[in-house]
Amino acid sequence: MSSSARDWFCSIFLSSWLMVRSSLRRMMCALLSKHVTPAKRGQLAHSWRWGL
């Protein structure tokens, strides 16, 4: 595998991983918002900001 092909693969993988991660986080937030009170949600968002 040539280095240029490897670089291309890595960039594709990274960009798709970032998209997947952000969409997962949005889904989790939507699910949580149905079950969690606003005060608790703020606490969760705060801990997630440091965790992710």
PDB file of N, CA and C in Angstrom:
ATOM      1  N   MET A   1       0.851  -1.202   0.000  1.00  0.00           N
ATOM      2  CA  MET A   1       0.000   0.000   0.000  1.00  0.00           C
ATOM      3  C   MET A   1       0.883   1.247   0.000  1.00  0.00           C
ATOM      4  N   SER A   2       0.679   2.102  -0.976  1.00  0.00           N
ATOM      5  CA  SER A   2       1.514   3.300  -1.067  1.00  0.00           C
ATOM      6  C   SER A   2       1.124   4.304   0.012  1.00  0.00           C
ATOM      7  N   SER A   3       2.037   5.202   0.307  1.00  0.00           N
ATOM      8  CA  SER A   3       1.784   6.152   1.392  1.00  0.00           C
ATOM      9  C   SER A   3       0.637   7.099   1.041  1.00  0.00           C
ATOM     10  N   SER A   4       0.509   7.462  -0.229  1.00  0.00           N
ATOM     11  CA  SER A   4      -0.570   8.380  -0.610  1.00  0.00           C
ATOM     12  C   SER A   4      -1.933   7.710  -0.424  1.00  0.00           C
ATOM     13  N   ALA A   5      -2.029   6.423  -0.764  1.00  0.00           N
ATOM     14  CA  ALA A   5      -3.286   5.699  -0.577  1.00  0.00           C
ATOM     15  C   ALA A   5      -3.602   5.593   0.915  1.00  0.00           C
ATOM     16  N   ARG A   6      -2.585   5.373   1.715  1.00  0.00           N
ATOM     17  CA  ARG A   6      -2.791   5.267   3.157  1.00  0.00           C
ATOM     18  C   ARG A   6      -3.261   6.607   3.731  1.00  0.00           C
ATOM     19  N   ASP A   7      -2.645   7.708   3.295  1.00  0.00           N
ATOM     20  CA  ASP A   7      -3.068   9.029   3.758  1.00  0.00           C
ATOM     21  C   ASP A   7      -4.517   9.297   3.377  1.00  0.00           C
ATOM     22  N   TRP A   8      -4.874   8.929   2.151  1.00  0.00           N
ATOM     23  CA  TRP A   8      -6.242   9.135   1.677  1.00  0.00           C
ATOM     24  C   TRP A   8      -7.215   8.336   2.541  1.00  0.00           C
ATOM     25  N   PHE A   9      -6.875   7.092   2.795  1.00  0.00           N
ATOM     26  CA  PHE A   9      -7.733   6.240   3.614  1.00  0.00           C
ATOM     27  C   PHE A   9      -7.897   6.817   5.008  1.00  0.00           C
ATOM     28  N   CYS A  10      -6.800   7.271   5.596  1.00  0.00           N
ATOM     29  CA  CYS A  10      -6.856   7.832   6.953  1.00  0.00           C
ATOM     30  C   CYS A  10      -7.743   9.068   7.002  1.00  0.00           C
ATOM     31  N   SER A  11      -7.636   9.932   5.999  1.00  0.00           N
ATOM     32  CA  SER A  11      -8.448  11.150   6.021  1.00  0.00           C
ATOM     33  C   SER A  11      -9.930  10.816   5.864  1.00  0.00           C
ATOM     34  N   ILE A  12     -10.236   9.861   4.989  1.00  0.00           N
ATOM     35  CA  ILE A  12     -11.635   9.440   4.821  1.00  0.00           C
ATOM     36  C   ILE A  12     -12.153   8.852   6.128  1.00  0.00           C
ATOM     37  N   PHE A  13     -11.364   7.978   6.733  1.00  0.00           N
ATOM     38  CA  PHE A  13     -11.776   7.328   7.970  1.00  0.00           C
ATOM     39  C   PHE A  13     -12.010   8.346   9.073  1.00  0.00           C
ATOM     40  N   LEU A  14     -11.073   9.298   9.217  1.00  0.00           N
ATOM     41  CA  LEU A  14     -11.199  10.298  10.269  1.00  0.00           C
ATOM     42  C   LEU A  14     -12.434  11.160  10.085  1.00  0.00           C
ATOM     43  N   SER A  15     -12.681  11.623   8.868  1.00  0.00           N
ATOM     44  CA  SER A  15     -13.838  12.497   8.646  1.00  0.00           C
ATOM     45  C   SER A  15     -15.145  11.743   8.902  1.00  0.00           C
ATOM     46  N   SER A  16     -15.213  10.479   8.460  1.00  0.00           N
ATOM     47  CA  SER A  16     -16.442   9.715   8.684  1.00  0.00           C
ATOM     48  C   SER A  16     -16.606   9.418  10.177  1.00  0.00           C
ATOM     49  N   TRP A  17     -15.517   9.151  10.892  1.00  0.00           N
ATOM     50  CA  TRP A  17     -15.591   8.890  12.322  1.00  0.00           C
ATOM     51  C   TRP A  17     -16.110  10.110  13.065  1.00  0.00           C
ATOM     52  N   LEU A  18     -15.639  11.307  12.683  1.00  0.00           N
ATOM     53  CA  LEU A  18     -16.113  12.527  13.340  1.00  0.00           C
ATOM     54  C   LEU A  18     -17.607  12.732  13.084  1.00  0.00           C
ATOM     55  N   MET A  19     -18.059  12.462  11.870  1.00  0.00           N
ATOM     56  CA  MET A  19     -19.487  12.614  11.567  1.00  0.00           C
ATOM     57  C   MET A  19     -20.316  11.631  12.376  1.00  0.00           C
ATOM     58  N   VAL A  20     -19.858  10.386  12.424  1.00  0.00           N
ATOM     59  CA  VAL A  20     -20.582   9.360  13.184  1.00  0.00           C
ATOM     60  C   VAL A  20     -20.651   9.735  14.653  1.00  0.00           C
ATOM     61  N   ARG A  21     -19.521  10.213  15.193  1.00  0.00           N
ATOM     62  CA  ARG A  21     -19.487  10.540  16.611  1.00  0.00           C
ATOM     63  C   ARG A  21     -20.435  11.694  16.935  1.00  0.00           C
ATOM     64  N   SER A  22     -20.448  12.722  16.085  1.00  0.00           N
ATOM     65  CA  SER A  22     -21.323  13.860  16.370  1.00  0.00           C
ATOM     66  C   SER A  22     -22.797  13.461  16.242  1.00  0.00           C
ATOM     67  N   SER A  23     -23.126  12.608  15.270  1.00  0.00           N
ATOM     68  CA  SER A  23     -24.522  12.194  15.125  1.00  0.00           C
ATOM     69  C   SER A  23     -24.936  11.290  16.289  1.00  0.00           C
ATOM     70  N   LEU A  24     -24.018  10.447  16.754  1.00  0.00           N
ATOM     71  CA  LEU A  24     -24.314   9.619  17.921  1.00  0.00           C
ATOM     72  C   LEU A  24     -24.573  10.493  19.138  1.00  0.00           C
ATOM     73  N   ARG A  25     -23.740  11.513  19.302  1.00  0.00           N
ATOM     74  CA  ARG A  25     -23.900  12.387  20.458  1.00  0.00           C
ATOM     75  C   ARG A  25     -25.241  13.113  20.388  1.00  0.00           C
ATOM     76  N   ARG A  26     -25.643  13.531  19.168  1.00  0.00           N
ATOM     77  CA  ARG A  26     -26.943  14.199  19.014  1.00  0.00           C
ATOM     78  C   ARG A  26     -28.082  13.247  19.375  1.00  0.00           C
ATOM     79  N   MET A  27     -27.985  11.985  18.930  1.00  0.00           N
ATOM     80  CA  MET A  27     -29.024  11.008  19.245  1.00  0.00           C
ATOM     81  C   MET A  27     -29.109  10.777  20.748  1.00  0.00           C
ATOM     82  N   MET A  28     -27.954  10.649  21.386  1.00  0.00           N
ATOM     83  CA  MET A  28     -27.940  10.447  22.829  1.00  0.00           C
ATOM     84  C   MET A  28     -28.586  11.624  23.539  1.00  0.00           C
ATOM     85  N   CYS A  29     -28.266  12.835  23.098  1.00  0.00           N
ATOM     86  CA  CYS A  29     -28.844  14.036  23.709  1.00  0.00           C
ATOM     87  C   CYS A  29     -30.356  14.029  23.536  1.00  0.00           C
ATOM     88  N   ALA A  30     -30.830  13.648  22.359  1.00  0.00           N
ATOM     89  CA  ALA A  30     -32.271  13.614  22.108  1.00  0.00           C
ATOM     90  C   ALA A  30     -32.943  12.582  23.004  1.00  0.00           C
ATOM     91  N   LEU A  31     -32.326  11.408  23.132  1.00  0.00           N
ATOM     92  CA  LEU A  31     -32.888  10.369  23.997  1.00  0.00           C
ATOM     93  C   LEU A  31     -32.902  10.819  25.445  1.00  0.00           C
ATOM     94  N   LEU A  32     -31.781  11.396  25.882  1.00  0.00           N
ATOM     95  CA  LEU A  32     -31.684  11.823  27.274  1.00  0.00           C
ATOM     96  C   LEU A  32     -32.677  12.931  27.589  1.00  0.00           C
ATOM     97  N   SER A  33     -32.882  13.836  26.628  1.00  0.00           N
ATOM     98  CA  SER A  33     -33.744  14.979  26.901  1.00  0.00           C
ATOM     99  C   SER A  33     -35.189  14.538  27.166  1.00  0.00           C
ATOM    100  N   LYS A  34     -35.552  13.353  26.685  1.00  0.00           N
ATOM    101  CA  LYS A  34     -36.904  12.861  26.952  1.00  0.00           C
ATOM    102  C   LYS A  34     -37.043  12.369  28.388  1.00  0.00           C
ATOM    103  N   HIS A  35     -35.941  11.929  28.973  1.00  0.00           N
ATOM    104  CA  HIS A  35     -36.018  11.280  30.280  1.00  0.00           C
ATOM    105  C   HIS A  35     -35.393  12.089  31.405  1.00  0.00           C
ATOM    106  N   VAL A  36     -34.670  13.147  31.047  1.00  0.00           N
ATOM    107  CA  VAL A  36     -33.865  13.840  32.050  1.00  0.00           C
ATOM    108  C   VAL A  36     -34.379  15.259  32.258  1.00  0.00           C
ATOM    109  N   THR A  37     -34.396  15.688  33.517  1.00  0.00           N
ATOM    110  CA  THR A  37     -34.821  17.055  33.814  1.00  0.00           C
ATOM    111  C   THR A  37     -33.754  18.046  33.369  1.00  0.00           C
ATOM    112  N   PRO A  38     -34.131  19.294  33.091  1.00  0.00           N
ATOM    113  CA  PRO A  38     -33.163  20.280  32.593  1.00  0.00           C
ATOM    114  C   PRO A  38     -31.943  20.455  33.490  1.00  0.00           C
ATOM    115  N   ALA A  39     -32.134  20.475  34.800  1.00  0.00           N
ATOM    116  CA  ALA A  39     -30.997  20.663  35.705  1.00  0.00           C
ATOM    117  C   ALA A  39     -30.012  19.512  35.559  1.00  0.00           C
ATOM    118  N   LYS A  40     -30.547  18.301  35.519  1.00  0.00           N
ATOM    119  CA  LYS A  40     -29.685  17.140  35.396  1.00  0.00           C
ATOM    120  C   LYS A  40     -29.018  17.115  34.023  1.00  0.00           C
ATOM    121  N   ARG A  41     -29.750  17.577  33.003  1.00  0.00           N
ATOM    122  CA  ARG A  41     -29.194  17.602  31.656  1.00  0.00           C
ATOM    123  C   ARG A  41     -27.977  18.523  31.593  1.00  0.00           C
ATOM    124  N   GLY A  42     -28.066  19.675  32.256  1.00  0.00           N
ATOM    125  CA  GLY A  42     -26.927  20.593  32.290  1.00  0.00           C
ATOM    126  C   GLY A  42     -25.725  19.938  32.941  1.00  0.00           C
ATOM    127  N   GLN A  43     -25.975  19.186  33.996  1.00  0.00           N
ATOM    128  CA  GLN A  43     -24.901  18.480  34.689  1.00  0.00           C
ATOM    129  C   GLN A  43     -24.267  17.443  33.766  1.00  0.00           C
ATOM    130  N   LEU A  44     -25.108  16.684  33.061  1.00  0.00           N
ATOM    131  CA  LEU A  44     -24.620  15.678  32.120  1.00  0.00           C
ATOM    132  C   LEU A  44     -23.819  16.317  30.999  1.00  0.00           C
ATOM    133  N   ALA A  45     -24.357  17.401  30.428  1.00  0.00           N
ATOM    134  CA  ALA A  45     -23.665  18.068  29.331  1.00  0.00           C
ATOM    135  C   ALA A  45     -22.291  18.534  29.791  1.00  0.00           C
ATOM    136  N   HIS A  46     -22.240  19.014  31.034  1.00  0.00           N
ATOM    137  CA  HIS A  46     -20.969  19.497  31.559  1.00  0.00           C
ATOM    138  C   HIS A  46     -19.964  18.351  31.668  1.00  0.00           C
ATOM    139  N   SER A  47     -20.400  17.207  32.177  1.00  0.00           N
ATOM    140  CA  SER A  47     -19.478  16.078  32.331  1.00  0.00           C
ATOM    141  C   SER A  47     -19.106  15.498  30.959  1.00  0.00           C
ATOM    142  N   TRP A  48     -20.043  15.516  30.015  1.00  0.00           N
ATOM    143  CA  TRP A  48     -19.751  15.000  28.677  1.00  0.00           C
ATOM    144  C   TRP A  48     -18.730  15.863  27.967  1.00  0.00           C
ATOM    145  N   ARG A  49     -18.827  17.186  28.200  1.00  0.00           N
ATOM    146  CA  ARG A  49     -17.908  18.082  27.499  1.00  0.00           C
ATOM    147  C   ARG A  49     -16.471  17.712  27.845  1.00  0.00           C
ATOM    148  N   TRP A  50     -16.258  17.299  29.058  1.00  0.00           N
ATOM    149  CA  TRP A  50     -14.898  16.904  29.446  1.00  0.00           C
ATOM    150  C   TRP A  50     -14.607  15.465  29.042  1.00  0.00           C
ATOM    151  N   GLY A  51     -15.645  14.642  28.971  1.00  0.00           N
ATOM    152  CA  GLY A  51     -15.419  13.230  28.674  1.00  0.00           C
ATOM    153  C   GLY A  51     -15.186  12.950  27.206  1.00  0.00           C
ATOM    154  N   LEU A  52     -15.837  13.742  26.331  1.00  0.00           N
ATOM    155  CA  LEU A  52     -15.746  13.420  24.902  1.00  0.00           C
ATOM    156  C   LEU A  52     -14.902  14.435  24.152  1.00  0.00           C
TER     157      LEU A  52
END
